[in-house]
N, C-alpha and C. Protein backbone atom coordinates (compact mmCIF):
# COMPACT_ATOMS: atom_id res chain seq x y z
N MET A 1 99.98 76.65 87.78
CA MET A 1 99.22 77.35 88.81
C MET A 1 99.64 78.80 88.83
N GLU A 2 98.81 79.69 88.28
CA GLU A 2 99.10 81.11 88.28
C GLU A 2 98.30 81.79 89.37
N ILE A 3 98.98 82.54 90.22
CA ILE A 3 98.33 83.22 91.33
C ILE A 3 98.33 84.70 91.02
N MET A 4 97.16 85.22 90.70
CA MET A 4 97.06 86.61 90.26
C MET A 4 97.14 87.54 91.46
N PRO A 5 97.96 88.60 91.38
CA PRO A 5 97.99 89.58 92.46
C PRO A 5 96.62 90.20 92.67
N ALA A 6 96.29 90.54 93.92
CA ALA A 6 94.98 91.09 94.24
C ALA A 6 94.91 92.57 93.90
N TYR A 7 93.81 92.99 93.30
CA TYR A 7 93.58 94.39 92.99
C TYR A 7 92.16 94.76 93.36
N GLU A 8 91.98 95.96 93.90
CA GLU A 8 90.65 96.40 94.26
C GLU A 8 89.84 96.73 93.02
N LYS A 9 90.43 97.44 92.07
CA LYS A 9 89.74 97.79 90.84
C LYS A 9 89.75 96.59 89.91
N LYS A 10 88.74 96.53 89.05
CA LYS A 10 88.64 95.41 88.14
C LYS A 10 88.48 95.89 86.70
N SER A 11 89.12 96.99 86.35
CA SER A 11 89.08 97.45 84.97
C SER A 11 89.87 96.47 84.11
N LEU A 12 89.65 96.52 82.81
CA LEU A 12 90.37 95.62 81.91
C LEU A 12 91.88 95.83 81.97
N SER A 13 92.29 97.09 82.09
CA SER A 13 93.73 97.35 82.16
C SER A 13 94.33 96.79 83.45
N ASP A 14 93.58 96.84 84.56
CA ASP A 14 94.04 96.25 85.82
C ASP A 14 94.20 94.74 85.68
N ILE A 15 93.27 94.12 84.96
CA ILE A 15 93.34 92.67 84.75
C ILE A 15 94.59 92.32 83.94
N VAL A 16 94.90 93.14 82.95
CA VAL A 16 96.10 92.89 82.14
C VAL A 16 97.36 93.08 82.99
N VAL A 17 97.38 94.13 83.81
CA VAL A 17 98.52 94.36 84.70
C VAL A 17 98.72 93.16 85.62
N ALA A 18 97.62 92.69 86.23
CA ALA A 18 97.71 91.54 87.13
C ALA A 18 98.17 90.29 86.39
N TYR A 19 97.74 90.15 85.15
CA TYR A 19 98.14 88.99 84.33
C TYR A 19 99.65 89.00 84.08
N VAL A 20 100.17 90.15 83.69
CA VAL A 20 101.62 90.25 83.44
C VAL A 20 102.40 90.01 84.73
N LYS A 21 101.91 90.59 85.83
CA LYS A 21 102.61 90.40 87.11
C LYS A 21 102.58 88.93 87.55
N SER A 22 101.48 88.24 87.26
CA SER A 22 101.42 86.82 87.63
C SER A 22 102.45 86.01 86.84
N LYS A 23 102.69 86.43 85.59
CA LYS A 23 103.71 85.76 84.78
C LYS A 23 105.11 86.02 85.33
N ILE A 24 105.31 87.20 85.90
CA ILE A 24 106.60 87.51 86.53
C ILE A 24 106.75 86.72 87.82
N LEU A 25 105.67 86.66 88.62
CA LEU A 25 105.72 85.91 89.88
C LEU A 25 106.10 84.45 89.64
N SER A 26 105.59 83.88 88.56
CA SER A 26 105.84 82.46 88.29
C SER A 26 107.17 82.22 87.58
N GLY A 27 107.80 83.31 87.11
CA GLY A 27 109.05 83.16 86.37
C GLY A 27 108.83 82.89 84.90
N ALA A 28 107.56 82.88 84.44
CA ALA A 28 107.28 82.64 83.02
C ALA A 28 107.78 83.80 82.17
N LEU A 29 107.73 85.01 82.72
CA LEU A 29 108.31 86.18 82.05
C LEU A 29 109.62 86.52 82.75
N LYS A 30 110.66 86.66 81.96
CA LYS A 30 111.98 86.93 82.51
C LYS A 30 112.55 88.22 81.94
N SER A 31 113.63 88.66 82.53
CA SER A 31 114.29 89.90 82.12
C SER A 31 114.57 89.91 80.62
N GLY A 32 114.12 90.98 79.95
CA GLY A 32 114.37 91.13 78.52
C GLY A 32 113.31 90.53 77.62
N ASP A 33 112.39 89.75 78.17
CA ASP A 33 111.33 89.14 77.35
C ASP A 33 110.45 90.24 76.75
N LYS A 34 110.08 90.04 75.48
CA LYS A 34 109.22 91.01 74.81
C LYS A 34 107.76 90.78 75.18
N LEU A 35 107.01 91.87 75.26
CA LEU A 35 105.58 91.82 75.53
C LEU A 35 104.86 92.31 74.27
N ILE A 36 104.24 91.40 73.56
CA ILE A 36 103.56 91.73 72.31
C ILE A 36 102.09 92.01 72.61
N GLU A 37 101.66 93.23 72.35
CA GLU A 37 100.29 93.63 72.69
C GLU A 37 99.26 92.73 72.03
N ALA A 38 99.48 92.38 70.77
CA ALA A 38 98.51 91.54 70.05
C ALA A 38 98.39 90.17 70.71
N ASP A 39 99.51 89.62 71.16
CA ASP A 39 99.48 88.30 71.80
C ASP A 39 98.72 88.35 73.12
N ILE A 40 98.98 89.40 73.91
CA ILE A 40 98.30 89.53 75.20
C ILE A 40 96.80 89.74 74.99
N SER A 41 96.45 90.56 73.99
CA SER A 41 95.03 90.78 73.68
C SER A 41 94.34 89.46 73.34
N SER A 42 95.03 88.63 72.56
CA SER A 42 94.47 87.34 72.18
C SER A 42 94.34 86.40 73.38
N GLU A 43 95.39 86.37 74.22
CA GLU A 43 95.38 85.48 75.38
C GLU A 43 94.26 85.83 76.36
N LEU A 44 93.98 87.12 76.50
CA LEU A 44 92.97 87.57 77.46
C LEU A 44 91.63 87.88 76.80
N ASN A 45 91.57 87.70 75.48
CA ASN A 45 90.34 87.95 74.73
C ASN A 45 89.81 89.36 74.98
N THR A 46 90.69 90.33 74.82
CA THR A 46 90.32 91.72 75.03
C THR A 46 90.87 92.56 73.89
N SER A 47 90.46 93.82 73.82
CA SER A 47 90.94 94.70 72.77
C SER A 47 92.35 95.20 73.09
N ARG A 48 92.94 95.91 72.15
CA ARG A 48 94.31 96.39 72.35
C ARG A 48 94.37 97.58 73.31
N ALA A 49 93.27 98.36 73.42
CA ALA A 49 93.30 99.59 74.23
C ALA A 49 93.67 99.32 75.70
N PRO A 50 93.00 98.38 76.40
CA PRO A 50 93.40 98.13 77.80
C PRO A 50 94.80 97.55 77.92
N VAL A 51 95.25 96.84 76.90
CA VAL A 51 96.61 96.30 76.93
C VAL A 51 97.62 97.44 76.85
N ARG A 52 97.35 98.40 75.96
CA ARG A 52 98.24 99.57 75.86
C ARG A 52 98.28 100.34 77.17
N GLU A 53 97.10 100.50 77.80
CA GLU A 53 97.05 101.21 79.09
C GLU A 53 97.82 100.43 80.15
N ALA A 54 97.71 99.11 80.14
CA ALA A 54 98.44 98.28 81.10
C ALA A 54 99.94 98.41 80.90
N MET A 55 100.38 98.47 79.64
CA MET A 55 101.80 98.64 79.36
C MET A 55 102.30 99.98 79.91
N ARG A 56 101.46 101.01 79.80
CA ARG A 56 101.83 102.32 80.34
C ARG A 56 101.99 102.25 81.86
N ILE A 57 101.05 101.58 82.53
CA ILE A 57 101.10 101.45 83.99
C ILE A 57 102.34 100.68 84.42
N LEU A 58 102.60 99.57 83.76
CA LEU A 58 103.76 98.74 84.09
C LEU A 58 105.07 99.49 83.84
N ASN A 59 105.07 100.32 82.80
CA ASN A 59 106.25 101.14 82.51
C ASN A 59 106.47 102.16 83.62
N GLU A 60 105.39 102.78 84.09
CA GLU A 60 105.50 103.77 85.18
C GLU A 60 105.99 103.12 86.46
N GLN A 61 105.63 101.85 86.67
CA GLN A 61 106.06 101.13 87.87
C GLN A 61 107.49 100.60 87.74
N GLY A 62 108.10 100.81 86.59
CA GLY A 62 109.48 100.37 86.39
C GLY A 62 109.62 98.88 86.18
N ILE A 63 108.53 98.20 85.82
CA ILE A 63 108.55 96.75 85.66
C ILE A 63 108.87 96.36 84.22
N ILE A 64 108.47 97.20 83.27
CA ILE A 64 108.82 96.98 81.87
C ILE A 64 109.44 98.27 81.33
N SER A 65 110.05 98.15 80.17
CA SER A 65 110.61 99.33 79.50
C SER A 65 110.13 99.33 78.05
N PHE A 66 110.20 100.49 77.43
CA PHE A 66 109.77 100.62 76.03
C PHE A 66 110.81 101.38 75.24
N SER A 67 111.06 100.90 74.03
CA SER A 67 111.88 101.65 73.09
C SER A 67 111.26 101.46 71.71
N PRO A 68 111.37 102.48 70.84
CA PRO A 68 110.76 102.36 69.50
C PRO A 68 111.29 101.16 68.72
N ARG A 69 112.54 100.80 68.96
CA ARG A 69 113.15 99.71 68.19
C ARG A 69 112.74 98.34 68.73
N ARG A 70 112.67 98.21 70.05
CA ARG A 70 112.44 96.89 70.65
C ARG A 70 111.03 96.72 71.21
N GLY A 71 110.26 97.81 71.30
CA GLY A 71 108.92 97.72 71.83
C GLY A 71 108.93 97.55 73.35
N ASN A 72 107.85 96.95 73.88
CA ASN A 72 107.76 96.71 75.32
C ASN A 72 108.49 95.42 75.69
N GLN A 73 109.29 95.49 76.74
CA GLN A 73 109.96 94.28 77.21
C GLN A 73 110.15 94.35 78.72
N VAL A 74 110.27 93.18 79.32
CA VAL A 74 110.48 93.09 80.76
C VAL A 74 111.81 93.75 81.11
N LEU A 75 111.81 94.45 82.22
CA LEU A 75 112.96 95.24 82.65
C LEU A 75 114.26 94.44 82.67
N GLU A 76 115.34 95.09 82.25
CA GLU A 76 116.69 94.54 82.38
C GLU A 76 117.49 95.48 83.27
N LEU A 77 118.20 94.92 84.25
CA LEU A 77 118.99 95.72 85.18
C LEU A 77 120.43 95.23 85.21
N SER A 78 121.36 96.17 85.28
CA SER A 78 122.76 95.82 85.49
C SER A 78 122.97 95.49 86.97
N PRO A 79 124.06 94.81 87.32
CA PRO A 79 124.33 94.54 88.75
C PRO A 79 124.33 95.80 89.60
N LYS A 80 124.88 96.89 89.06
CA LYS A 80 124.90 98.16 89.80
C LYS A 80 123.49 98.66 90.05
N GLU A 81 122.63 98.53 89.04
CA GLU A 81 121.24 98.98 89.19
C GLU A 81 120.47 98.11 90.17
N VAL A 82 120.77 96.80 90.17
CA VAL A 82 120.13 95.89 91.12
C VAL A 82 120.44 96.31 92.55
N LEU A 83 121.71 96.61 92.82
CA LEU A 83 122.10 97.05 94.16
C LEU A 83 121.40 98.35 94.54
N GLU A 84 121.26 99.24 93.57
CA GLU A 84 120.58 100.51 93.84
C GLU A 84 119.11 100.28 94.20
N VAL A 85 118.45 99.37 93.48
CA VAL A 85 117.05 99.07 93.78
C VAL A 85 116.94 98.46 95.17
N PHE A 86 117.85 97.54 95.51
CA PHE A 86 117.86 96.97 96.85
C PHE A 86 118.00 98.07 97.91
N GLU A 87 118.91 99.00 97.68
CA GLU A 87 119.15 100.07 98.65
C GLU A 87 117.90 100.92 98.85
N VAL A 88 117.21 101.24 97.76
CA VAL A 88 116.00 102.05 97.86
C VAL A 88 114.91 101.28 98.58
N ARG A 89 114.75 100.00 98.22
CA ARG A 89 113.73 99.19 98.89
C ARG A 89 114.01 99.10 100.39
N ILE A 90 115.26 98.81 100.75
CA ILE A 90 115.62 98.68 102.16
C ILE A 90 115.33 99.97 102.91
N SER A 91 115.70 101.11 102.32
CA SER A 91 115.48 102.39 102.97
C SER A 91 114.00 102.64 103.23
N LEU A 92 113.16 102.40 102.22
CA LEU A 92 111.72 102.64 102.38
C LEU A 92 111.09 101.65 103.36
N GLU A 93 111.52 100.40 103.29
CA GLU A 93 110.89 99.41 104.16
C GLU A 93 111.31 99.60 105.62
N ILE A 94 112.52 100.08 105.84
CA ILE A 94 112.94 100.41 107.21
C ILE A 94 112.04 101.52 107.77
N GLN A 95 111.72 102.50 106.93
CA GLN A 95 110.82 103.57 107.38
C GLN A 95 109.45 103.00 107.77
N ILE A 96 108.96 102.06 106.98
CA ILE A 96 107.66 101.45 107.28
C ILE A 96 107.72 100.64 108.58
N LEU A 97 108.78 99.89 108.76
CA LEU A 97 108.93 99.12 110.00
C LEU A 97 109.00 100.04 111.21
N HIS A 98 109.66 101.17 111.05
CA HIS A 98 109.74 102.15 112.14
C HIS A 98 108.34 102.66 112.50
N VAL A 99 107.54 102.94 111.48
CA VAL A 99 106.16 103.40 111.72
C VAL A 99 105.36 102.32 112.44
N LEU A 100 105.50 101.08 112.00
CA LEU A 100 104.74 99.98 112.61
C LEU A 100 105.06 99.84 114.09
N VAL A 101 106.33 99.97 114.44
CA VAL A 101 106.75 99.78 115.83
C VAL A 101 106.42 101.00 116.68
N THR A 102 106.82 102.17 116.23
CA THR A 102 106.68 103.37 117.06
C THR A 102 105.23 103.83 117.19
N GLN A 103 104.41 103.52 116.19
CA GLN A 103 103.00 103.93 116.25
C GLN A 103 102.08 102.77 116.60
N ASP A 104 102.66 101.64 116.96
CA ASP A 104 101.90 100.48 117.42
C ASP A 104 100.77 100.12 116.45
N LYS A 105 101.13 99.97 115.19
CA LYS A 105 100.14 99.74 114.14
C LYS A 105 99.61 98.31 114.10
N LEU A 106 100.40 97.36 114.58
CA LEU A 106 100.02 95.95 114.46
C LEU A 106 99.32 95.47 115.73
N GLN A 107 98.16 94.85 115.53
CA GLN A 107 97.40 94.28 116.63
C GLN A 107 97.45 92.75 116.55
N GLU A 108 96.84 92.09 117.51
CA GLU A 108 96.94 90.63 117.58
C GLU A 108 96.41 89.96 116.31
N ASN A 109 95.34 90.49 115.74
CA ASN A 109 94.80 89.88 114.51
C ASN A 109 95.78 90.03 113.35
N ASP A 110 96.55 91.13 113.35
CA ASP A 110 97.57 91.31 112.31
C ASP A 110 98.68 90.28 112.46
N TYR A 111 99.12 90.08 113.69
CA TYR A 111 100.17 89.08 113.92
C TYR A 111 99.69 87.69 113.49
N GLN A 112 98.42 87.40 113.72
CA GLN A 112 97.89 86.09 113.33
C GLN A 112 97.88 85.93 111.82
N GLU A 113 97.48 86.99 111.11
CA GLU A 113 97.47 86.94 109.64
C GLU A 113 98.89 86.71 109.11
N LEU A 114 99.85 87.41 109.69
CA LEU A 114 101.23 87.26 109.26
C LEU A 114 101.77 85.88 109.60
N TYR A 115 101.39 85.37 110.77
CA TYR A 115 101.81 84.02 111.15
C TYR A 115 101.24 82.99 110.17
N ASN A 116 99.99 83.18 109.76
CA ASN A 116 99.38 82.26 108.80
C ASN A 116 100.16 82.23 107.49
N LEU A 117 100.67 83.38 107.08
CA LEU A 117 101.47 83.43 105.85
C LEU A 117 102.78 82.66 106.02
N THR A 118 103.41 82.79 107.18
CA THR A 118 104.66 82.03 107.40
C THR A 118 104.37 80.53 107.44
N ARG A 119 103.21 80.16 107.96
CA ARG A 119 102.84 78.74 107.99
C ARG A 119 102.60 78.22 106.58
N GLU A 120 101.97 79.06 105.73
CA GLU A 120 101.78 78.67 104.33
C GLU A 120 103.13 78.49 103.64
N MET A 121 104.09 79.35 103.95
CA MET A 121 105.43 79.20 103.38
C MET A 121 106.03 77.87 103.81
N LYS A 122 105.92 77.56 105.07
CA LYS A 122 106.53 76.34 105.61
C LYS A 122 105.95 75.10 104.93
N ASN A 123 104.65 75.16 104.61
CA ASN A 123 103.98 74.00 104.01
C ASN A 123 103.90 74.09 102.49
N GLY A 124 104.58 75.09 101.91
CA GLY A 124 104.41 75.36 100.49
C GLY A 124 104.93 74.28 99.56
N GLU A 125 106.03 73.64 99.94
CA GLU A 125 106.66 72.67 99.04
C GLU A 125 105.69 71.57 98.64
N GLY A 126 104.87 71.12 99.59
CA GLY A 126 103.95 70.03 99.31
C GLY A 126 102.80 70.41 98.40
N ARG A 127 102.61 71.71 98.16
CA ARG A 127 101.52 72.17 97.30
C ARG A 127 101.95 72.31 95.85
N CYS A 128 103.23 72.10 95.57
CA CYS A 128 103.76 72.38 94.23
C CYS A 128 104.23 71.10 93.55
N SER A 129 103.92 70.99 92.27
CA SER A 129 104.32 69.80 91.52
C SER A 129 105.44 70.07 90.52
N ASN A 130 105.80 71.36 90.33
CA ASN A 130 106.89 71.69 89.40
C ASN A 130 107.51 73.02 89.81
N ASP A 131 108.60 73.38 89.14
CA ASP A 131 109.34 74.59 89.51
C ASP A 131 108.52 75.86 89.31
N GLU A 132 107.71 75.91 88.24
CA GLU A 132 106.93 77.12 88.00
C GLU A 132 105.92 77.35 89.12
N GLU A 133 105.27 76.29 89.57
CA GLU A 133 104.34 76.42 90.70
C GLU A 133 105.08 76.83 91.96
N ARG A 134 106.25 76.25 92.15
CA ARG A 134 107.05 76.57 93.34
C ARG A 134 107.45 78.04 93.36
N VAL A 135 107.97 78.53 92.23
CA VAL A 135 108.40 79.92 92.14
C VAL A 135 107.21 80.86 92.35
N SER A 136 106.08 80.54 91.71
CA SER A 136 104.90 81.39 91.81
C SER A 136 104.39 81.48 93.24
N LEU A 137 104.28 80.34 93.92
CA LEU A 137 103.75 80.34 95.28
C LEU A 137 104.71 81.01 96.25
N LEU A 138 106.00 80.71 96.14
CA LEU A 138 106.98 81.30 97.06
C LEU A 138 107.01 82.82 96.90
N ASN A 139 107.02 83.30 95.66
CA ASN A 139 107.05 84.74 95.42
C ASN A 139 105.76 85.41 95.88
N THR A 140 104.63 84.74 95.65
CA THR A 140 103.34 85.31 96.05
C THR A 140 103.24 85.45 97.56
N LEU A 141 103.69 84.43 98.29
CA LEU A 141 103.64 84.49 99.75
C LEU A 141 104.62 85.53 100.30
N ASP A 142 105.79 85.62 99.69
CA ASP A 142 106.76 86.63 100.09
C ASP A 142 106.16 88.03 99.90
N LEU A 143 105.59 88.28 98.73
CA LEU A 143 104.96 89.57 98.46
C LEU A 143 103.80 89.82 99.43
N SER A 144 102.99 88.81 99.69
CA SER A 144 101.83 88.97 100.57
C SER A 144 102.25 89.38 101.98
N PHE A 145 103.33 88.78 102.48
CA PHE A 145 103.83 89.12 103.82
C PHE A 145 104.27 90.58 103.87
N HIS A 146 105.11 90.98 102.92
CA HIS A 146 105.62 92.35 102.94
C HIS A 146 104.53 93.36 102.61
N ARG A 147 103.66 93.02 101.67
CA ARG A 147 102.57 93.94 101.32
C ARG A 147 101.66 94.18 102.53
N TYR A 148 101.46 93.14 103.34
CA TYR A 148 100.63 93.31 104.55
C TYR A 148 101.25 94.36 105.47
N LEU A 149 102.56 94.30 105.63
CA LEU A 149 103.25 95.28 106.47
C LEU A 149 103.17 96.67 105.86
N TRP A 150 103.39 96.76 104.55
CA TRP A 150 103.33 98.07 103.89
C TRP A 150 101.95 98.71 104.10
N ASN A 151 100.90 97.92 103.89
CA ASN A 151 99.55 98.45 104.01
C ASN A 151 99.20 98.77 105.46
N ALA A 152 99.68 97.96 106.40
CA ALA A 152 99.40 98.20 107.81
C ALA A 152 99.99 99.51 108.29
N SER A 153 101.05 99.95 107.65
CA SER A 153 101.69 101.21 108.05
C SER A 153 100.88 102.43 107.62
N GLU A 154 99.91 102.20 106.73
CA GLU A 154 99.08 103.28 106.18
C GLU A 154 99.95 104.32 105.47
N SER A 155 101.04 103.83 104.88
CA SER A 155 101.94 104.69 104.10
C SER A 155 101.73 104.36 102.62
N SER A 156 100.65 104.87 102.05
CA SER A 156 100.23 104.42 100.72
C SER A 156 101.25 104.73 99.64
N ARG A 157 101.92 105.87 99.73
CA ARG A 157 102.91 106.22 98.71
C ARG A 157 104.11 105.28 98.78
N ARG A 158 104.59 105.03 99.99
CA ARG A 158 105.70 104.10 100.14
C ARG A 158 105.31 102.71 99.64
N ALA A 159 104.10 102.28 100.00
CA ALA A 159 103.63 100.95 99.59
C ALA A 159 103.58 100.82 98.07
N GLN A 160 103.12 101.87 97.41
CA GLN A 160 103.03 101.85 95.95
C GLN A 160 104.42 101.73 95.32
N ILE A 161 105.36 102.50 95.84
CA ILE A 161 106.73 102.44 95.31
C ILE A 161 107.36 101.08 95.59
N LEU A 162 107.15 100.57 96.80
CA LEU A 162 107.75 99.30 97.19
C LEU A 162 107.25 98.14 96.34
N GLU A 163 105.98 98.18 95.96
CA GLU A 163 105.47 97.10 95.12
C GLU A 163 106.21 97.05 93.78
N GLY A 164 106.43 98.23 93.19
CA GLY A 164 107.18 98.27 91.94
C GLY A 164 108.60 97.77 92.12
N LEU A 165 109.24 98.17 93.22
CA LEU A 165 110.61 97.73 93.49
C LEU A 165 110.68 96.22 93.71
N PHE A 166 109.66 95.68 94.38
CA PHE A 166 109.61 94.23 94.62
C PHE A 166 109.65 93.48 93.30
N TYR A 167 108.82 93.91 92.34
CA TYR A 167 108.78 93.22 91.05
C TYR A 167 110.06 93.43 90.26
N GLN A 168 110.66 94.61 90.36
CA GLN A 168 111.93 94.84 89.67
C GLN A 168 112.99 93.85 90.14
N LEU A 169 113.08 93.65 91.45
CA LEU A 169 114.06 92.71 91.99
C LEU A 169 113.69 91.27 91.65
N LEU A 170 112.40 90.99 91.66
CA LEU A 170 111.95 89.63 91.38
C LEU A 170 112.32 89.20 89.96
N ILE A 171 112.23 90.13 89.03
CA ILE A 171 112.60 89.83 87.64
C ILE A 171 114.03 89.32 87.57
N VAL A 172 114.91 89.94 88.36
CA VAL A 172 116.32 89.53 88.37
C VAL A 172 116.49 88.21 89.12
N MET A 173 115.86 88.09 90.28
CA MET A 173 116.04 86.89 91.11
C MET A 173 115.49 85.64 90.43
N ASN A 174 114.44 85.80 89.62
CA ASN A 174 113.85 84.65 88.96
C ASN A 174 114.74 84.05 87.87
N GLN A 175 115.84 84.74 87.54
CA GLN A 175 116.76 84.18 86.55
C GLN A 175 117.38 82.88 87.06
N ASP A 176 117.47 82.74 88.37
CA ASP A 176 118.02 81.53 88.98
C ASP A 176 117.20 81.24 90.23
N ILE A 177 116.39 80.18 90.21
CA ILE A 177 115.47 79.93 91.32
C ILE A 177 116.19 79.64 92.62
N VAL A 178 117.47 79.28 92.55
CA VAL A 178 118.24 79.06 93.78
C VAL A 178 118.30 80.34 94.60
N THR A 179 118.31 81.49 93.90
CA THR A 179 118.36 82.78 94.58
C THR A 179 117.18 82.99 95.51
N LEU A 180 116.03 82.41 95.17
CA LEU A 180 114.82 82.63 95.94
C LEU A 180 114.84 81.92 97.29
N GLY A 181 115.67 80.88 97.41
CA GLY A 181 115.70 80.11 98.65
C GLY A 181 114.60 79.06 98.68
N THR A 182 114.51 78.33 99.78
CA THR A 182 113.50 77.29 99.93
C THR A 182 112.31 77.82 100.73
N PHE A 183 111.21 77.10 100.68
CA PHE A 183 110.04 77.48 101.48
C PHE A 183 110.41 77.52 102.96
N GLU A 184 111.15 76.52 103.42
CA GLU A 184 111.52 76.45 104.83
C GLU A 184 112.39 77.64 105.22
N GLU A 185 113.37 77.98 104.39
CA GLU A 185 114.25 79.11 104.69
C GLU A 185 113.47 80.42 104.76
N LYS A 186 112.59 80.64 103.78
CA LYS A 186 111.83 81.89 103.76
C LYS A 186 110.82 81.94 104.91
N ALA A 187 110.24 80.79 105.25
CA ALA A 187 109.31 80.76 106.39
C ALA A 187 110.03 81.18 107.67
N GLN A 188 111.23 80.65 107.88
CA GLN A 188 111.98 80.97 109.09
C GLN A 188 112.40 82.44 109.12
N GLU A 189 112.83 82.97 107.97
CA GLU A 189 113.24 84.38 107.92
C GLU A 189 112.07 85.31 108.24
N HIS A 190 110.91 85.03 107.64
CA HIS A 190 109.75 85.88 107.88
C HIS A 190 109.21 85.71 109.30
N LEU A 191 109.32 84.50 109.83
CA LEU A 191 108.88 84.28 111.20
C LEU A 191 109.75 85.05 112.19
N ARG A 192 111.05 85.13 111.91
CA ARG A 192 111.94 85.91 112.78
C ARG A 192 111.59 87.40 112.72
N ILE A 193 111.25 87.89 111.54
CA ILE A 193 110.82 89.29 111.43
C ILE A 193 109.54 89.50 112.24
N LEU A 194 108.60 88.57 112.10
CA LEU A 194 107.33 88.67 112.83
C LEU A 194 107.55 88.65 114.34
N ASN A 195 108.37 87.73 114.81
CA ASN A 195 108.63 87.65 116.25
C ASN A 195 109.32 88.92 116.76
N ALA A 196 110.20 89.48 115.94
CA ALA A 196 110.86 90.74 116.32
C ALA A 196 109.84 91.87 116.41
N LEU A 197 108.90 91.92 115.47
CA LEU A 197 107.86 92.95 115.50
C LEU A 197 107.02 92.84 116.77
N LYS A 198 106.78 91.63 117.22
CA LYS A 198 105.96 91.44 118.42
C LYS A 198 106.66 91.96 119.67
N THR A 199 107.99 92.03 119.64
CA THR A 199 108.72 92.58 120.80
C THR A 199 108.62 94.10 120.86
N LYS A 200 108.28 94.71 119.71
CA LYS A 200 108.20 96.17 119.58
C LYS A 200 109.54 96.85 119.86
N GLN A 201 110.62 96.14 119.56
CA GLN A 201 111.96 96.68 119.73
C GLN A 201 112.56 96.95 118.34
N SER A 202 112.66 98.22 117.99
CA SER A 202 113.11 98.60 116.65
C SER A 202 114.46 98.01 116.26
N PRO A 203 115.47 98.01 117.14
CA PRO A 203 116.77 97.44 116.73
C PRO A 203 116.67 95.97 116.34
N LEU A 204 115.86 95.20 117.07
CA LEU A 204 115.71 93.78 116.77
C LEU A 204 114.98 93.59 115.44
N VAL A 205 113.95 94.40 115.20
CA VAL A 205 113.21 94.33 113.94
C VAL A 205 114.14 94.65 112.77
N LEU A 206 114.91 95.71 112.92
CA LEU A 206 115.83 96.12 111.87
C LEU A 206 116.87 95.03 111.60
N ASP A 207 117.37 94.41 112.65
CA ASP A 207 118.38 93.37 112.50
C ASP A 207 117.84 92.19 111.70
N GLU A 208 116.62 91.74 112.01
CA GLU A 208 116.05 90.60 111.30
C GLU A 208 115.69 90.94 109.86
N PHE A 209 115.20 92.15 109.65
CA PHE A 209 114.87 92.57 108.28
C PHE A 209 116.13 92.65 107.43
N MET A 210 117.19 93.23 107.97
CA MET A 210 118.43 93.36 107.21
C MET A 210 119.03 91.99 106.92
N ARG A 211 118.91 91.06 107.86
CA ARG A 211 119.38 89.70 107.63
C ARG A 211 118.63 89.08 106.44
N HIS A 212 117.32 89.30 106.40
CA HIS A 212 116.47 88.80 105.32
C HIS A 212 116.91 89.38 103.98
N MET A 213 117.12 90.69 103.92
CA MET A 213 117.52 91.33 102.67
C MET A 213 118.93 90.91 102.24
N HIS A 214 119.84 90.82 103.20
CA HIS A 214 121.21 90.45 102.87
C HIS A 214 121.30 89.02 102.34
N ASN A 215 120.40 88.15 102.80
CA ASN A 215 120.38 86.79 102.27
C ASN A 215 120.09 86.79 100.78
N TYR A 216 119.17 87.65 100.35
CA TYR A 216 118.87 87.77 98.92
C TYR A 216 120.06 88.35 98.16
N VAL A 217 120.63 89.42 98.68
CA VAL A 217 121.76 90.07 98.01
C VAL A 217 122.93 89.10 97.89
N ASP A 218 123.24 88.41 98.97
CA ASP A 218 124.36 87.47 98.95
C ASP A 218 124.12 86.35 97.94
N ALA A 219 122.89 85.83 97.91
CA ALA A 219 122.58 84.74 96.98
C ALA A 219 122.71 85.20 95.53
N MET A 220 122.28 86.42 95.25
CA MET A 220 122.33 86.93 93.88
C MET A 220 123.75 87.15 93.40
N PHE A 221 124.58 87.74 94.25
CA PHE A 221 125.90 88.14 93.79
C PHE A 221 126.97 87.08 94.02
N THR A 222 126.68 86.10 94.86
CA THR A 222 127.61 84.99 95.04
C THR A 222 127.64 84.10 93.82
N LYS A 223 126.47 83.97 93.16
CA LYS A 223 126.38 83.06 92.01
C LYS A 223 126.91 83.68 90.73
N GLN A 224 127.21 84.99 90.75
CA GLN A 224 127.68 85.64 89.53
C GLN A 224 129.17 85.42 89.32
C-alpha cells in the first residue's frame, strides 16, 4: 500500500518526486540507496527528462544527494547531522506554532480535521497487514498532521523547508521501525498537541511539541 504525497501540480516531474517520496514514506527506500534514472523511467513508463528534473528537485530539498562517482542516492546523515536537522526543524516549527496561537489561525473546522487525523492514527494498526504498510501509513498520517499546521500558519517558506527536513529525518528513522513508535503512541502525542493548541496557551503548546520531538530523538539515539 503506497500512499502518494499530495501535490497541486501534476507535471511528470512532480509525479516522479511524489513516487520517490512515497517509497521513503513506506521505508522501501533507505539511507544510501541508489536511484537509477533508467529504472525509475521504466517503473513509471516515462522518459528520462522528468526523472532528471525530479532528481534535481529532490536534491534541492536535501532528500537525495549526487556525486559523479556514485550518482543519485538517498541522503545519508551522520548522528551529528541528524541532531542539527532536528534542531532546525524544531526551531522552525516552534515559530509556526507561535503564529498559530498568537494570530488565532485555527478555527473549529481545523481542529476537527486535526482530530480526524489523530483518530486515523489510533485506528491505523487494523488497516495494515505488514510492516511496509504500517510504516507508510504511520509516516503519512504524521506528515499530514504537521503539514496541516504548517499550511494553516500561511508561512509558505517555512512549510517548504519543513517538508524537506521531515523527509530527511524520516530517512534516518526508517532504518529501525521501532524508532517510529506505535499508532497508539503517536495518536496520543498528536492529540496532546491538538488539545494544547485549543487552549491557545503558547507554553503548553510548546511543552507538548517538545515532548513529541524529544520522544523521536530519544528513540533514535538510545538504540545506537
